[in-house]
Amino acid sequence: MCTELGEFQDADKNLRRALDTFREAGHPVGEAYATCAAGLLMESQDRHSEAITFTLQALSLAETFAADPGMEFARQTAMNNIAWLYACAGKLDVALSSATSALELFRQLGDSVLTASVMDTLGFIQHRLGHHADAVDCYREAMDLFGSMNSLYKSAEAAEHLAESYQALGDPAKARAALRDALAVLGELRHPRAAEVRAKLRDLDQAL
């Protein structure tokens, strides 16, 4: 929560405590989750190399202690996160391969949460590859899945990403609608990122 709110010092302090506690307790499942979370904290600060290192450590833990109850979901989470982090680092071919493998697994398992997350990741990858229509399809599926689970922040995040792909396709009207969807949710949540989305919407309105 601190990471998503941009409270990075508090996030770092809490994650360090969590990692120390799980390691001292000999709890590899908890350590894997906390290590994944540390990777996302690094990514939120644009420290992509460190983020990938943490997430690969989490994946290694999950594979080493695969027999531990609860570890399978930690492995799946790490698989999803690593695809996103490679994409953020610009390693798009590796990211696409990782995300496609993760999606196949998540669909087989019927896991809507991780399927939604990896579809958002695939949208980001396709957008950066210049495949904007494919990105729109991915983002719309992610939004629908997040919405069905009442995952409001993630749905807003996917809507914001969707707006970028609509803009790239030369459809500012649909981009504006997607940003309004994102802003409505972020405003309801009183999330600090609402101001950033409001500024994007204002810039787009001025361009129309």
Protein backbone atom coordinates (compact mmCIF):
# COMPACT_ATOMS: atom_id res chain seq x y z
CA MET A 1 0.00 0.00 0.00
CA CYS A 2 2.81 2.42 0.82
CA THR A 3 4.43 1.69 -2.55
CA GLU A 4 1.20 2.42 -4.45
CA LEU A 5 0.74 5.65 -2.48
CA GLY A 6 4.31 6.75 -3.28
CA GLU A 7 5.40 6.55 0.36
CA PHE A 8 8.64 4.84 -0.57
CA GLN A 9 10.57 5.30 2.67
CA ASP A 10 7.79 3.69 4.69
CA ALA A 11 7.46 0.93 2.10
CA ASP A 12 11.19 0.20 2.28
CA LYS A 13 11.16 0.17 6.09
CA ASN A 14 8.20 -2.21 6.28
CA LEU A 15 9.55 -4.55 3.62
CA ARG A 16 12.95 -4.77 5.31
CA ARG A 17 11.20 -5.69 8.58
CA ALA A 18 9.08 -8.26 6.77
CA LEU A 19 12.08 -9.84 5.03
CA ASP A 20 14.06 -10.02 8.27
CA THR A 21 11.10 -11.54 10.13
CA PHE A 22 10.37 -14.18 7.48
CA ARG A 23 14.05 -15.14 7.19
CA GLU A 24 14.48 -15.45 10.95
CA ALA A 25 11.31 -17.56 11.15
CA GLY A 26 12.43 -19.83 8.30
CA HIS A 27 9.31 -18.92 6.31
CA PRO A 28 10.27 -19.08 2.60
CA VAL A 29 6.74 -18.41 1.33
CA GLY A 30 6.54 -15.11 3.20
CA GLU A 31 10.08 -14.27 2.13
CA ALA A 32 9.17 -14.88 -1.52
CA TYR A 33 6.14 -12.57 -1.32
CA ALA A 34 8.12 -9.84 0.47
CA THR A 35 10.92 -10.14 -2.08
CA CYS A 36 8.38 -9.74 -4.91
CA ALA A 37 7.00 -6.67 -3.18
CA ALA A 38 10.53 -5.26 -2.85
CA GLY A 39 10.91 -5.67 -6.60
CA LEU A 40 7.77 -3.62 -7.20
CA LEU A 41 9.05 -0.95 -4.83
CA MET A 42 12.27 -0.69 -6.85
CA GLU A 43 10.25 -0.50 -10.09
CA SER A 44 8.12 2.32 -8.67
CA GLN A 45 11.35 4.30 -8.27
CA ASP A 46 12.56 3.44 -11.81
CA ARG A 47 15.29 1.20 -10.39
CA HIS A 48 14.63 -1.48 -12.98
CA SER A 49 17.82 -3.51 -12.66
CA GLU A 50 17.38 -3.86 -8.88
CA ALA A 51 13.70 -4.68 -9.37
CA ILE A 52 14.54 -7.53 -11.74
CA THR A 53 17.18 -8.85 -9.34
CA PHE A 54 14.71 -8.96 -6.43
CA THR A 55 12.01 -10.63 -8.51
CA LEU A 56 14.36 -13.27 -9.90
CA GLN A 57 15.36 -13.99 -6.29
CA ALA A 58 11.68 -14.45 -5.42
CA LEU A 59 11.22 -16.80 -8.38
CA SER A 60 14.29 -18.80 -7.33
CA LEU A 61 12.92 -19.10 -3.80
CA ALA A 62 9.58 -20.26 -5.15
CA GLU A 63 11.22 -22.93 -7.29
CA THR A 64 13.57 -24.09 -4.51
CA PHE A 65 10.74 -24.46 -1.98
CA ALA A 66 8.06 -25.50 -4.46
CA ALA A 67 6.69 -28.14 -2.08
CA ASP A 68 5.80 -25.56 0.60
CA PRO A 69 2.04 -24.87 0.86
CA GLY A 70 1.20 -21.50 -0.63
CA MET A 71 4.39 -21.24 -2.66
CA GLU A 72 2.74 -21.91 -6.03
CA PHE A 73 0.89 -18.59 -5.96
CA ALA A 74 4.13 -16.84 -5.02
CA ARG A 75 5.77 -18.42 -8.07
CA GLN A 76 2.93 -17.27 -10.29
CA THR A 77 3.14 -13.75 -8.88
CA ALA A 78 6.87 -13.64 -9.55
CA MET A 79 6.30 -14.88 -13.12
CA ASN A 80 3.83 -12.07 -13.75
CA ASN A 81 6.03 -9.44 -12.15
CA ILE A 82 9.18 -10.43 -14.04
CA ALA A 83 7.41 -9.99 -17.38
CA TRP A 84 6.34 -6.48 -16.34
CA LEU A 85 9.80 -5.55 -15.09
CA TYR A 86 11.56 -6.73 -18.25
CA ALA A 87 9.09 -4.62 -20.23
CA CYS A 88 9.79 -1.57 -18.07
CA ALA A 89 13.52 -2.12 -18.62
CA GLY A 90 12.98 -2.16 -22.38
CA LYS A 91 13.77 -5.87 -22.79
CA LEU A 92 10.62 -6.39 -24.84
CA ASP A 93 11.41 -9.74 -26.47
CA VAL A 94 12.16 -11.36 -23.10
CA ALA A 95 9.14 -9.62 -21.58
CA LEU A 96 6.81 -10.87 -24.32
CA SER A 97 8.03 -14.44 -23.96
CA SER A 98 7.68 -14.31 -20.15
CA ALA A 99 4.22 -12.76 -20.28
CA THR A 100 2.93 -15.21 -22.89
CA SER A 101 4.11 -18.18 -20.83
CA ALA A 102 2.56 -16.71 -17.69
CA LEU A 103 -0.75 -16.04 -19.45
CA GLU A 104 -0.99 -19.62 -20.69
CA LEU A 105 -0.46 -20.92 -17.15
CA PHE A 106 -2.90 -18.47 -15.54
CA ARG A 107 -5.65 -19.27 -18.04
CA GLN A 108 -5.18 -22.99 -17.40
CA LEU A 109 -5.49 -22.35 -13.67
CA GLY A 110 -8.51 -20.10 -14.13
CA ASP A 111 -6.82 -17.37 -12.07
CA SER A 112 -8.61 -14.13 -12.93
CA VAL A 113 -6.40 -11.92 -10.74
CA LEU A 114 -3.13 -12.88 -12.38
CA THR A 115 -4.72 -13.15 -15.82
CA ALA A 116 -5.85 -9.53 -15.49
CA SER A 117 -2.40 -8.44 -14.36
CA VAL A 118 -0.56 -10.22 -17.16
CA MET A 119 -3.03 -8.87 -19.76
CA ASP A 120 -2.17 -5.37 -18.57
CA THR A 121 1.51 -6.28 -18.91
CA LEU A 122 0.94 -7.66 -22.43
CA GLY A 123 -0.86 -4.44 -23.34
CA PHE A 124 2.16 -2.44 -22.21
CA ILE A 125 4.52 -4.67 -24.21
CA GLN A 126 2.38 -4.51 -27.36
CA HIS A 127 2.12 -0.73 -27.03
CA ARG A 128 5.89 -0.35 -26.79
CA LEU A 129 6.33 -2.67 -29.76
CA GLY A 130 4.07 -0.36 -31.77
CA HIS A 131 1.19 -2.86 -31.93
CA HIS A 132 -1.36 -0.40 -30.58
CA ALA A 133 -4.54 -2.20 -31.68
CA ASP A 134 -3.33 -5.37 -29.94
CA ALA A 135 -2.51 -3.27 -26.88
CA VAL A 136 -6.08 -1.92 -26.81
CA ASP A 137 -7.48 -5.47 -26.84
CA CYS A 138 -5.20 -6.47 -23.96
CA TYR A 139 -5.99 -3.42 -21.86
CA ARG A 140 -9.73 -3.75 -22.37
CA GLU A 141 -9.65 -7.38 -21.20
CA ALA A 142 -7.56 -6.35 -18.19
CA MET A 143 -10.04 -3.58 -17.33
CA ASP A 144 -12.99 -5.95 -17.59
CA LEU A 145 -11.33 -8.54 -15.37
CA PHE A 146 -10.21 -6.01 -12.76
CA GLY A 147 -13.68 -4.46 -12.78
CA SER A 148 -15.37 -7.83 -12.27
CA MET A 149 -13.21 -8.36 -9.17
CA ASN A 150 -13.85 -4.81 -7.90
CA SER A 151 -10.12 -4.11 -8.09
CA LEU A 152 -10.70 -0.40 -8.57
CA TYR A 153 -7.14 0.96 -8.56
CA LYS A 154 -5.90 -1.64 -11.02
CA SER A 155 -8.89 -1.01 -13.27
CA ALA A 156 -8.09 2.71 -13.26
CA GLU A 157 -4.44 1.97 -14.04
CA ALA A 158 -5.44 -0.18 -17.02
CA ALA A 159 -7.80 2.57 -18.23
CA GLU A 160 -4.97 5.08 -18.14
CA HIS A 161 -2.79 2.71 -20.17
CA LEU A 162 -5.66 2.17 -22.60
CA ALA A 163 -5.86 5.93 -23.18
CA GLU A 164 -2.23 5.98 -24.30
CA SER A 165 -2.88 3.28 -26.90
CA TYR A 166 -5.98 5.07 -28.20
CA GLN A 167 -3.91 8.24 -28.55
CA ALA A 168 -1.27 6.31 -30.49
CA LEU A 169 -4.03 5.03 -32.78
CA GLY A 170 -5.14 8.61 -33.43
CA ASP A 171 -8.43 8.32 -31.52
CA PRO A 172 -8.38 11.15 -28.95
CA ALA A 173 -12.11 10.81 -28.19
CA LYS A 174 -11.70 7.25 -26.92
CA ALA A 175 -8.50 8.24 -25.13
CA ARG A 176 -10.40 11.00 -23.36
CA ALA A 177 -13.17 8.59 -22.33
CA ALA A 178 -10.62 6.13 -20.92
CA LEU A 179 -8.91 8.88 -18.92
CA ARG A 180 -12.28 10.00 -17.55
CA ASP A 181 -12.93 6.43 -16.42
CA ALA A 182 -9.55 6.35 -14.69
CA LEU A 183 -10.07 9.74 -13.06
CA ALA A 184 -13.51 8.81 -11.74
CA VAL A 185 -12.07 5.82 -9.90
CA LEU A 186 -8.95 7.59 -8.62
CA GLY A 187 -11.05 10.50 -7.43
CA GLU A 188 -13.36 8.15 -5.56
CA LEU A 189 -10.32 6.51 -3.95
CA ARG A 190 -8.79 9.92 -3.18
CA HIS A 191 -5.60 8.63 -4.71
CA PRO A 192 -2.75 11.13 -5.25
CA ARG A 193 -2.35 9.97 -8.86
CA ALA A 194 -5.71 11.56 -9.66
CA ALA A 195 -3.91 14.89 -10.14
CA GLU A 196 -1.60 13.35 -12.74
CA VAL A 197 -4.50 11.84 -14.68
CA ARG A 198 -6.43 15.11 -14.44
CA ALA A 199 -3.44 16.90 -16.01
CA LYS A 200 -3.31 14.35 -18.85
CA LEU A 201 -7.01 14.85 -19.48
CA ARG A 202 -6.60 18.62 -19.50
CA ASP A 203 -3.75 18.38 -22.02
CA LEU A 204 -5.84 16.12 -24.22
CA ASP A 205 -8.85 18.43 -24.01
CA GLN A 206 -6.68 21.34 -25.15
CA ALA A 207 -5.40 19.30 -28.10
CA LEU A 208 -8.93 18.43 -29.33
